[in-house]
Structure formats: structure tokens, C-alpha cells
């Protein structure tokens, strides 16, 4: 991979053409070829069928879930990743009633069936239909946002496409999916106003947690090794932010809770030892949620008595919740969350290697990296 160019300025948004049809039948895409390799290639523009959409990708955020799939070779190649996607409809298949060329949209790449064992229990991410990726730029469907155009399949068109109002930037719109996943975690933890919450990690996801918790009325303490992220977390409403989850953080949380510890702890990073630190920060009976542990290679070891005898609840949370789609979209698109403050880099598709390198090895200049495939 090429070294990241940290001096590159943030670029202004492109003016958007309204629903122009693609030419020549070819496009540029970042294709995962295995062994951690992503190659910039020319590939066919996907063809759509009845009930489907072709969307020109204007912005796609780089997500650590995709980075792990690339770095650990979790899925067989070739694939085109990228799922935090916003763009413009350029073609609507036969039978599509609600969208037409020129519509500005944000996309969810997973939508559940709504009828199976897991859907009836609102465990949508375990639904077999949900596990089928419904957006592709070619090859095995994998989100496709790191390409100039994507094909949106019919079941996604029916329930997984969100209109983006005029005046809302595509960079903001591509936060619709990740905000949903974070909002789902907050709801799953049953966070109440006045709860003392700790967030371990203040990368883009951890900062979204901080925003949502503050909005919910929680008292937020956070940790992150990078000073710039700690400073931003405080600007976003965290009461105190610490370099580590060690004794200084634990003392502050205990002091704020009459010696008990945090009511809820969200683990928003995958660094070794964070789950164990979450136990130390929390009170007996607390809820601890793991959010960043998405690879089978990431192991945790926790004292069993700290969960059993002290009656803590250990939770996992993964991907989006269709029932929260309207509310999470409103939070982003109506401007209730300052997600724009998280964008540190906007890159052309040809610079995606730099984006992957920066996102994998962040420094004080790096937060959310957004790829603009049309540039």
C-alpha cells in the first residue's frame, strides 16, 4: 500500500449531475483481489433488473468492518467493498414506483425478511435474508460503494433506500448507515437519561456513540490514546476523556457514581484488553456492549465471576436495525448530530490505498475518511 498523504486538504463537494446515464458501459472500481490487495480496475457497470435501481455513487465512507475483511481475507475474492453509500439514481427498473432518475439516496446493503424466527425476535442481523448483501458493483455482492455505480436489488429498494433532501451533502448522507448501527447499540443497552456511560475508543464510531449518548441525556466518560480525538469528544459533550481506561478513568467514574462504576460501557475499539477494562470501569449489574469485535481472530478473556457473581450483562451488537431506520436517518439528515465534524479526509477512488492505510493506522489527523468515486 502507498503511504498516506496526511497533508492533502479536504476537498469541496462536487456539483451533482441530475440522473445522467452512464456512458460506454464501463466504470472504475476498487476490487479486492485477496491477500490484502485492493486494485483499481475498469469493470462493467452493473446491469439492473425489474424492481432494481442503478445508483451513481457520490460518497462512501471507509468502515473498519470492510478493512478487517480485506486485512484478514475473511471472504473470498474478487469483491468490491464499501457500504456507507450515498448517491444519485440514474436508472430505475420496471415496476419501481418510489424512485426515479435524479433522486438523491442513501443506501442500506442489508434488509431482513421480516418473517423468520430471528426477525420475529428483532434479531435482524441473524436473518438469512439479511445476511445476503443486496447491493453490488459486480462480482459477489459486497456493498460496492468503492465503485462509480452500484446495482441495488429489489428487496433493498423496497425497504433499504432512504431519500436525501436537497441541501444535504452526500458526505453527511453516507453516515445514515453507521449512525443506525450505533443507535441500535444505544437502544440495546437501554440507556436512560442520567446513566453514567463509558465509551472506550473515540474513533468515528466511538464519537458517534458519544453524540448519541449525550443526546439521550447520559453522563459520558470516554477514552482514546489520541489527544485530538479526546479533545473532540469533550467538544461533543463528554464530561471527561482519558488517554487509557486505567485507574484514572476508573476513579473518575467511581467518583461520579458514589463509588459504584459506570451503568453502561460501550467498547468501540478492538484493541486487546478493552473488554477486560470495560469490566473494571463498570458497576455490578452494569451492561457492557461489544461493538468492534467483528473478526473471529479477536479474542477476549474476562473473569467469569465478574459477569456471573456481579450480575453484569455482556451484550453484542452488529449491523443495522430496520425498525430504527426512520429515526436514525432523521438524526443525520435533519442535522441533529454534528457528523460533519468527524470527516477528516475526502479522497478520490484512486487514492483508496492511502485511505485504507490511514484508517488502519490512524494518527491525530485521521477520523472519518470518505471516498468520492466520481472524482
Protein backbone atom coordinates (compact mmCIF):
# COMPACT_ATOMS: atom_id res chain seq x y z
CA UNK A 1 0.00 0.00 0.00
CA UNK A 2 1.13 3.56 -0.65
CA UNK A 3 1.90 5.72 2.35
CA UNK A 4 -0.89 8.06 3.44
CA UNK A 5 -0.67 11.70 2.39
CA UNK A 6 -1.72 13.47 5.56
CA UNK A 7 -1.13 16.94 4.12
CA UNK A 8 -3.81 16.63 1.46
CA UNK A 9 -6.58 19.19 2.06
CA UNK A 10 -10.23 18.31 2.43
CA UNK A 11 -11.82 18.86 -0.97
CA UNK A 12 -15.08 20.68 -1.63
CA UNK A 13 -18.13 18.70 -2.73
CA UNK A 14 -18.71 18.20 -6.45
CA UNK A 15 -21.72 19.70 -8.12
CA UNK A 16 -24.09 16.80 -8.79
CA UNK A 17 -25.46 15.99 -12.23
CA UNK A 18 -29.12 15.03 -12.00
CA UNK A 19 -29.53 11.47 -13.15
CA UNK A 20 -27.15 11.37 -16.11
CA UNK A 21 -26.99 7.94 -17.74
CA UNK A 22 -23.56 6.27 -17.64
CA UNK A 23 -21.62 6.06 -20.87
CA UNK A 24 -19.55 3.33 -22.52
CA UNK A 25 -20.77 0.65 -20.11
CA UNK A 26 -17.57 0.73 -18.05
CA UNK A 27 -16.61 2.22 -14.71
CA UNK A 28 -13.76 2.40 -12.23
CA UNK A 29 -13.81 0.30 -9.06
CA UNK A 30 -11.51 -0.72 -6.21
CA UNK A 31 -11.52 -4.52 -6.44
CA UNK A 32 -10.40 -6.73 -3.56
CA UNK A 33 -8.23 -9.45 -5.09
CA UNK A 34 -7.23 -11.40 -1.98
CA UNK A 35 -4.13 -11.42 0.23
CA UNK A 36 -4.98 -7.93 1.44
CA UNK A 37 -4.75 -6.48 -2.08
CA UNK A 38 -7.16 -3.86 -3.47
CA UNK A 39 -6.68 -2.96 -7.14
CA UNK A 40 -8.08 -0.03 -9.11
CA UNK A 41 -9.68 -1.61 -12.18
CA UNK A 42 -12.07 -0.91 -15.03
CA UNK A 43 -15.13 -3.15 -14.74
CA UNK A 44 -18.58 -3.27 -16.37
CA UNK A 45 -21.29 -1.04 -14.97
CA UNK A 46 -23.81 -3.40 -13.33
CA UNK A 47 -26.98 -4.15 -15.23
CA UNK A 48 -30.24 -3.94 -13.30
CA UNK A 49 -33.42 -5.98 -13.49
CA UNK A 50 -37.07 -5.40 -12.60
CA UNK A 51 -37.57 -3.70 -9.25
CA UNK A 52 -33.93 -2.63 -9.03
CA UNK A 53 -32.01 0.65 -9.12
CA UNK A 54 -28.72 1.76 -10.61
CA UNK A 55 -27.17 4.41 -8.38
CA UNK A 56 -24.20 6.64 -9.16
CA UNK A 57 -22.05 6.62 -6.03
CA UNK A 58 -21.15 10.13 -4.86
CA UNK A 59 -19.74 9.31 -1.42
CA UNK A 60 -18.83 6.17 0.51
CA UNK A 61 -17.27 6.07 3.96
CA UNK A 62 -14.45 3.68 4.79
CA UNK A 63 -15.63 1.34 7.56
CA UNK A 64 -13.42 -0.84 9.76
CA UNK A 65 -15.65 -3.85 9.07
CA UNK A 66 -14.54 -3.77 5.44
CA UNK A 67 -10.93 -3.12 6.45
CA UNK A 68 -10.93 -6.32 8.52
CA UNK A 69 -12.37 -8.30 5.62
CA UNK A 70 -9.52 -7.03 3.45
CA UNK A 71 -6.72 -7.36 6.01
CA UNK A 72 -7.75 -10.80 7.30
CA UNK A 73 -9.02 -12.21 3.97
CA UNK A 74 -12.30 -13.06 5.66
CA UNK A 75 -14.21 -13.56 2.39
CA UNK A 76 -13.05 -14.99 -0.94
CA UNK A 77 -12.18 -12.55 -3.75
CA UNK A 78 -12.98 -10.86 -6.04
CA UNK A 79 -15.29 -8.37 -4.34
CA UNK A 80 -15.96 -4.66 -4.32
CA UNK A 81 -16.43 -3.44 -0.78
CA UNK A 82 -17.87 -0.20 0.60
CA UNK A 83 -21.29 0.03 2.23
CA UNK A 84 -21.67 3.51 3.77
CA UNK A 85 -23.04 4.71 0.45
CA UNK A 86 -24.89 7.76 -0.84
CA UNK A 87 -25.54 8.71 -4.43
CA UNK A 88 -27.97 9.57 -7.22
CA UNK A 89 -30.39 7.24 -9.02
CA UNK A 90 -29.54 7.02 -12.72
CA UNK A 91 -31.87 4.18 -13.73
CA UNK A 92 -34.96 2.54 -12.25
CA UNK A 93 -36.02 -0.95 -13.27
CA UNK A 94 -39.50 -1.98 -14.35
CA UNK A 95 -42.00 -1.84 -11.53
CA UNK A 96 -40.11 0.63 -9.33
CA UNK A 97 -42.69 3.13 -8.10
CA UNK A 98 -40.98 5.21 -5.42
CA UNK A 99 -37.74 6.28 -7.09
CA UNK A 100 -36.75 7.79 -10.39
CA UNK A 101 -33.56 9.08 -12.05
CA UNK A 102 -32.22 12.14 -10.30
CA UNK A 103 -33.34 11.13 -6.81
CA UNK A 104 -30.69 11.55 -4.13
CA UNK A 105 -30.46 8.50 -1.87
CA UNK A 106 -28.58 6.80 0.96
CA UNK A 107 -28.41 3.01 0.93
CA UNK A 108 -28.61 0.11 3.38
CA UNK A 109 -26.98 -3.04 1.98
CA UNK A 110 -28.80 -5.45 4.35
CA UNK A 111 -32.57 -5.72 4.85
CA UNK A 112 -34.26 -8.64 6.70
CA UNK A 113 -37.18 -10.76 5.53
CA UNK A 114 -39.36 -9.71 8.48
CA UNK A 115 -40.97 -13.12 8.92
CA UNK A 116 -38.40 -15.66 10.13
CA UNK A 117 -37.54 -16.91 13.64
CA UNK A 118 -34.92 -14.19 14.13
CA UNK A 119 -36.96 -11.36 12.62
CA UNK A 120 -39.86 -12.13 14.97
CA UNK A 121 -37.39 -11.57 17.81
CA UNK A 122 -35.91 -8.41 16.24
CA UNK A 123 -32.54 -10.14 15.77
CA UNK A 124 -32.46 -8.92 12.19
CA UNK A 125 -28.71 -9.35 11.65
CA UNK A 126 -29.17 -13.12 12.16
CA UNK A 127 -31.87 -13.41 9.45
CA UNK A 128 -30.68 -15.41 6.42
CA UNK A 129 -32.14 -12.81 4.05
CA UNK A 130 -30.40 -10.05 5.98
CA UNK A 131 -27.09 -11.86 5.61
CA UNK A 132 -27.47 -11.68 1.81
CA UNK A 133 -25.84 -8.46 0.63
CA UNK A 134 -28.31 -6.66 -1.62
CA UNK A 135 -26.02 -4.10 -3.28
CA UNK A 136 -23.23 -4.87 -5.74
CA UNK A 137 -20.84 -3.20 -8.14
CA UNK A 138 -20.02 -6.58 -9.68
CA UNK A 139 -18.67 -9.96 -8.58
CA UNK A 140 -20.07 -11.44 -5.34
CA UNK A 141 -22.26 -8.73 -3.73
CA UNK A 142 -20.25 -6.92 -1.06
CA UNK A 143 -21.69 -3.40 -0.85
CA UNK A 144 -19.98 -1.98 -3.92
CA UNK A 145 -19.58 1.60 -2.68
CA UNK A 146 -15.92 1.71 -3.72
CA UNK A 147 -17.05 1.94 -7.33
CA UNK A 148 -18.70 4.55 -9.52
CA UNK A 149 -22.06 2.75 -9.81
CA UNK A 150 -23.95 0.15 -7.80
CA UNK A 151 -26.88 -2.12 -8.50
CA UNK A 152 -29.48 -2.04 -5.71
CA UNK A 153 -31.53 -5.26 -5.62
CA UNK A 154 -35.29 -5.35 -5.32
CA UNK A 155 -35.69 -6.20 -1.61
CA UNK A 156 -33.29 -3.36 -0.75
CA UNK A 157 -35.21 -0.96 -3.00
CA UNK A 158 -38.43 -1.80 -1.16
CA UNK A 159 -37.15 -1.06 2.36
CA UNK A 160 -33.49 -0.04 2.34
CA UNK A 161 -33.27 3.14 0.28
CA UNK A 162 -33.56 6.50 2.08
CA UNK A 163 -34.26 9.79 0.31
CA UNK A 164 -31.67 12.50 0.86
CA UNK A 165 -33.19 16.02 0.92
CA UNK A 166 -31.84 18.75 -1.32
CA UNK A 167 -29.21 20.76 0.50
CA UNK A 168 -27.88 17.81 2.49
CA UNK A 169 -24.36 16.87 1.40
CA UNK A 170 -23.62 13.37 0.21
CA UNK A 171 -20.85 13.21 2.78
CA UNK A 172 -23.42 13.69 5.54
CA UNK A 173 -25.82 11.23 3.88
CA UNK A 174 -23.28 8.40 3.94
CA UNK A 175 -23.47 8.50 7.76
CA UNK A 176 -27.05 7.19 7.67
CA UNK A 177 -25.99 3.53 7.84
CA UNK A 178 -23.27 3.79 10.52
CA UNK A 179 -25.44 6.02 12.73
CA UNK A 180 -28.18 3.38 12.55
CA UNK A 181 -25.76 0.70 13.78
CA UNK A 182 -24.68 2.90 16.71
CA UNK A 183 -28.23 3.91 17.56
CA UNK A 184 -29.18 0.23 17.60
CA UNK A 185 -26.46 -0.38 20.22
CA UNK A 186 -27.67 2.51 22.40
CA UNK A 187 -31.22 1.14 22.29
CA UNK A 188 -30.00 -2.39 23.03
CA UNK A 189 -28.16 -1.12 26.13
CA UNK A 190 -31.39 0.53 27.33
CA UNK A 191 -29.54 3.75 28.12
CA UNK A 192 -31.59 6.15 30.23
CA UNK A 193 -31.17 9.86 30.93
CA UNK A 194 -28.81 10.25 33.88
CA UNK A 195 -26.98 6.96 33.27
CA UNK A 196 -23.22 7.11 33.64
CA UNK A 197 -21.80 5.75 30.40
CA UNK A 198 -18.22 4.99 29.39
CA UNK A 199 -17.15 4.73 25.74
CA UNK A 200 -13.83 3.01 25.09
CA UNK A 201 -12.39 4.39 21.86
CA UNK A 202 -13.15 7.72 20.22
CA UNK A 203 -12.67 6.94 16.58
CA UNK A 204 -15.59 7.72 14.25
CA UNK A 205 -17.81 5.04 15.83
CA UNK A 206 -16.90 5.94 19.40
CA UNK A 207 -17.59 9.61 18.68
CA UNK A 208 -20.98 8.69 17.21
CA UNK A 209 -21.69 6.84 20.46
CA UNK A 210 -20.70 9.93 22.43
CA UNK A 211 -23.04 12.13 20.36
CA UNK A 212 -25.97 9.72 20.75
CA UNK A 213 -25.42 9.17 24.48
CA UNK A 214 -25.21 12.90 25.18
CA UNK A 215 -28.38 13.45 23.17
CA UNK A 216 -30.07 10.73 25.27
CA UNK A 217 -29.10 12.51 28.48
CA UNK A 218 -26.35 10.16 29.66
CA UNK A 219 -23.27 11.38 31.52
CA UNK A 220 -20.42 10.32 29.25
CA UNK A 221 -16.84 9.41 30.08
CA UNK A 222 -14.57 8.30 27.27
CA UNK A 223 -11.08 7.05 26.49
CA UNK A 224 -8.78 7.26 23.49
CA UNK A 225 -4.99 7.29 23.04
CA UNK A 226 -5.09 10.23 20.56
CA UNK A 227 -5.26 13.73 22.03
CA UNK A 228 -7.16 15.26 19.10
CA UNK A 229 -9.90 12.65 19.48
CA UNK A 230 -10.09 13.26 23.23
CA UNK A 231 -10.49 16.98 22.60
CA UNK A 232 -13.26 16.42 20.04
CA UNK A 233 -15.09 14.05 22.39
CA UNK A 234 -15.22 16.80 25.02
CA UNK A 235 -16.48 19.31 22.46
CA UNK A 236 -19.24 16.82 21.64
CA UNK A 237 -20.33 16.63 25.28
CA UNK A 238 -18.21 14.03 27.10
CA UNK A 239 -17.66 15.09 30.72
CA UNK A 240 -14.10 13.75 30.87
CA UNK A 241 -11.91 11.89 28.39
CA UNK A 242 -8.85 9.86 29.33
CA UNK A 243 -5.86 8.52 27.45
CA UNK A 244 -6.47 4.98 28.68
CA UNK A 245 -9.13 3.02 30.51
CA UNK A 246 -6.83 2.68 33.52
CA UNK A 247 -7.12 3.73 37.12
CA UNK A 248 -7.52 7.46 36.47
CA UNK A 249 -10.61 6.82 34.34
CA UNK A 250 -11.96 4.27 36.84
CA UNK A 251 -11.54 6.71 39.72
CA UNK A 252 -13.39 9.46 37.84
CA UNK A 253 -16.27 7.14 37.01
CA UNK A 254 -16.47 5.85 40.58
CA UNK A 255 -16.36 9.38 41.94
CA UNK A 256 -19.31 10.35 39.73
CA UNK A 257 -21.31 7.28 40.80
CA UNK A 258 -20.92 7.17 44.59
CA UNK A 259 -18.20 4.56 44.17
CA UNK A 260 -20.22 2.14 42.02
CA UNK A 261 -18.85 2.45 38.47
CA UNK A 262 -20.45 3.04 35.08
CA UNK A 263 -24.01 1.89 34.40
CA UNK A 264 -23.14 1.06 30.80
CA UNK A 265 -19.86 0.64 28.92
CA UNK A 266 -19.60 0.54 25.12
CA UNK A 267 -16.44 -0.96 23.64
CA UNK A 268 -15.99 0.95 20.38
CA UNK A 269 -12.48 -0.24 19.51
CA UNK A 270 -10.87 -3.63 19.03
CA UNK A 271 -7.59 -3.13 20.88
CA UNK A 272 -6.63 -6.07 23.11
CA UNK A 273 -7.70 -5.74 26.73
CA UNK A 274 -10.56 -3.28 26.26
CA UNK A 275 -13.27 -5.77 27.22
CA UNK A 276 -11.46 -6.51 30.46
CA UNK A 277 -11.08 -2.78 31.11
CA UNK A 278 -14.80 -2.35 30.50
CA UNK A 279 -15.48 -4.72 33.39
CA UNK A 280 -13.20 -2.72 35.68
CA UNK A 281 -14.93 0.55 34.78
CA UNK A 282 -18.45 -0.80 35.31
CA UNK A 283 -20.56 -1.40 38.41
CA UNK A 284 -22.15 -4.72 39.41
CA UNK A 285 -25.28 -5.17 37.30
CA UNK A 286 -23.94 -2.95 34.51
CA UNK A 287 -24.41 -3.52 30.78
CA UNK A 288 -21.24 -3.98 28.69
CA UNK A 289 -21.62 -3.91 24.93
CA UNK A 290 -19.01 -5.17 22.45
CA UNK A 291 -19.31 -3.36 19.13
CA UNK A 292 -15.92 -3.53 17.41
CA UNK A 293 -15.08 -7.22 17.82
CA UNK A 294 -16.18 -8.34 14.33
CA UNK A 295 -13.48 -10.89 13.49
CA UNK A 296 -13.06 -14.39 14.85
CA UNK A 297 -9.39 -13.55 15.38
CA UNK A 298 -10.27 -11.09 18.16
CA UNK A 299 -10.32 -12.96 21.45
CA UNK A 300 -11.37 -11.68 24.87
CA UNK A 301 -10.75 -13.14 28.31
CA UNK A 302 -12.91 -11.98 31.22
CA UNK A 303 -13.04 -13.13 34.83
CA UNK A 304 -16.20 -15.24 34.91
CA UNK A 305 -17.19 -14.15 38.41
CA UNK A 306 -17.21 -10.51 37.32
CA UNK A 307 -20.09 -11.41 34.98
CA UNK A 308 -21.84 -14.15 36.95
CA UNK A 309 -21.46 -13.21 40.62
CA UNK A 310 -21.60 -9.47 39.98
CA UNK A 311 -24.54 -9.86 37.58
CA UNK A 312 -23.20 -7.83 34.68
CA UNK A 313 -24.83 -8.25 31.28
CA UNK A 314 -22.43 -8.77 28.36
CA UNK A 315 -24.01 -7.79 25.04
CA UNK A 316 -23.04 -7.98 21.39
CA UNK A 317 -24.41 -5.73 18.69
CA UNK A 318 -23.81 -5.89 14.95
CA UNK A 319 -25.09 -4.08 11.87
CA UNK A 320 -28.29 -2.07 11.38
CA UNK A 321 -31.89 -2.29 12.60
CA UNK A 322 -34.61 -1.68 10.01
CA UNK A 323 -37.04 -0.65 12.76
CA UNK A 324 -34.73 2.27 13.67
CA UNK A 325 -34.16 3.35 10.07
CA UNK A 326 -36.52 6.34 10.05
CA UNK A 327 -35.31 7.74 13.36
CA UNK A 328 -31.61 7.26 12.67
CA UNK A 329 -32.00 8.78 9.20
CA UNK A 330 -33.76 11.80 10.68
CA UNK A 331 -30.96 12.30 13.19
CA UNK A 332 -28.45 12.50 10.34
CA UNK A 333 -30.37 14.19 7.54
CA UNK A 334 -32.12 16.80 9.70
CA UNK A 335 -28.82 17.84 11.23
CA UNK A 336 -29.44 16.71 14.82
CA UNK A 337 -25.99 15.09 15.02
CA UNK A 338 -22.81 17.03 14.07
CA UNK A 339 -21.47 14.19 11.92
CA UNK A 340 -19.70 16.62 9.58
CA UNK A 341 -17.17 17.25 12.36
CA UNK A 342 -15.98 13.65 12.00
CA UNK A 343 -14.83 13.92 8.36
CA UNK A 344 -11.06 14.32 8.17
CA UNK A 345 -10.33 13.28 4.58
CA UNK A 346 -12.16 13.18 1.27
CA UNK A 347 -10.35 11.12 -1.35
CA UNK A 348 -10.69 10.18 -4.98
CA UNK A 349 -11.25 6.50 -5.69
CA UNK A 350 -7.70 6.23 -7.00
CA UNK A 351 -6.44 7.27 -3.56
CA UNK A 352 -8.22 4.48 -1.71
CA UNK A 353 -4.94 2.79 -0.80
CA UNK A 354 -3.99 5.90 1.16
CA UNK A 355 -7.45 5.88 2.73
CA UNK A 356 -7.12 2.25 3.80
CA UNK A 357 -3.67 2.90 5.23
CA UNK A 358 -4.85 5.96 7.19
CA UNK A 359 -7.95 4.23 8.51
CA UNK A 360 -6.00 1.13 9.52
CA UNK A 361 -3.23 3.13 11.22
CA UNK A 362 -4.90 6.38 12.33
CA UNK A 363 -2.99 9.28 13.78
CA UNK A 364 -4.06 12.61 15.21
CA UNK A 365 -5.12 13.87 11.76
CA UNK A 366 -7.36 10.92 10.92
CA UNK A 367 -11.06 10.38 11.60
CA UNK A 368 -13.71 9.50 9.03
CA UNK A 369 -12.38 9.02 5.53
CA UNK A 370 -14.84 9.37 2.65
CA UNK A 371 -14.22 8.19 -0.89
CA UNK A 372 -15.69 10.13 -3.83
CA UNK A 373 -15.72 7.68 -6.76
CA UNK A 374 -16.79 10.25 -9.37
CA UNK A 375 -13.67 12.39 -8.96
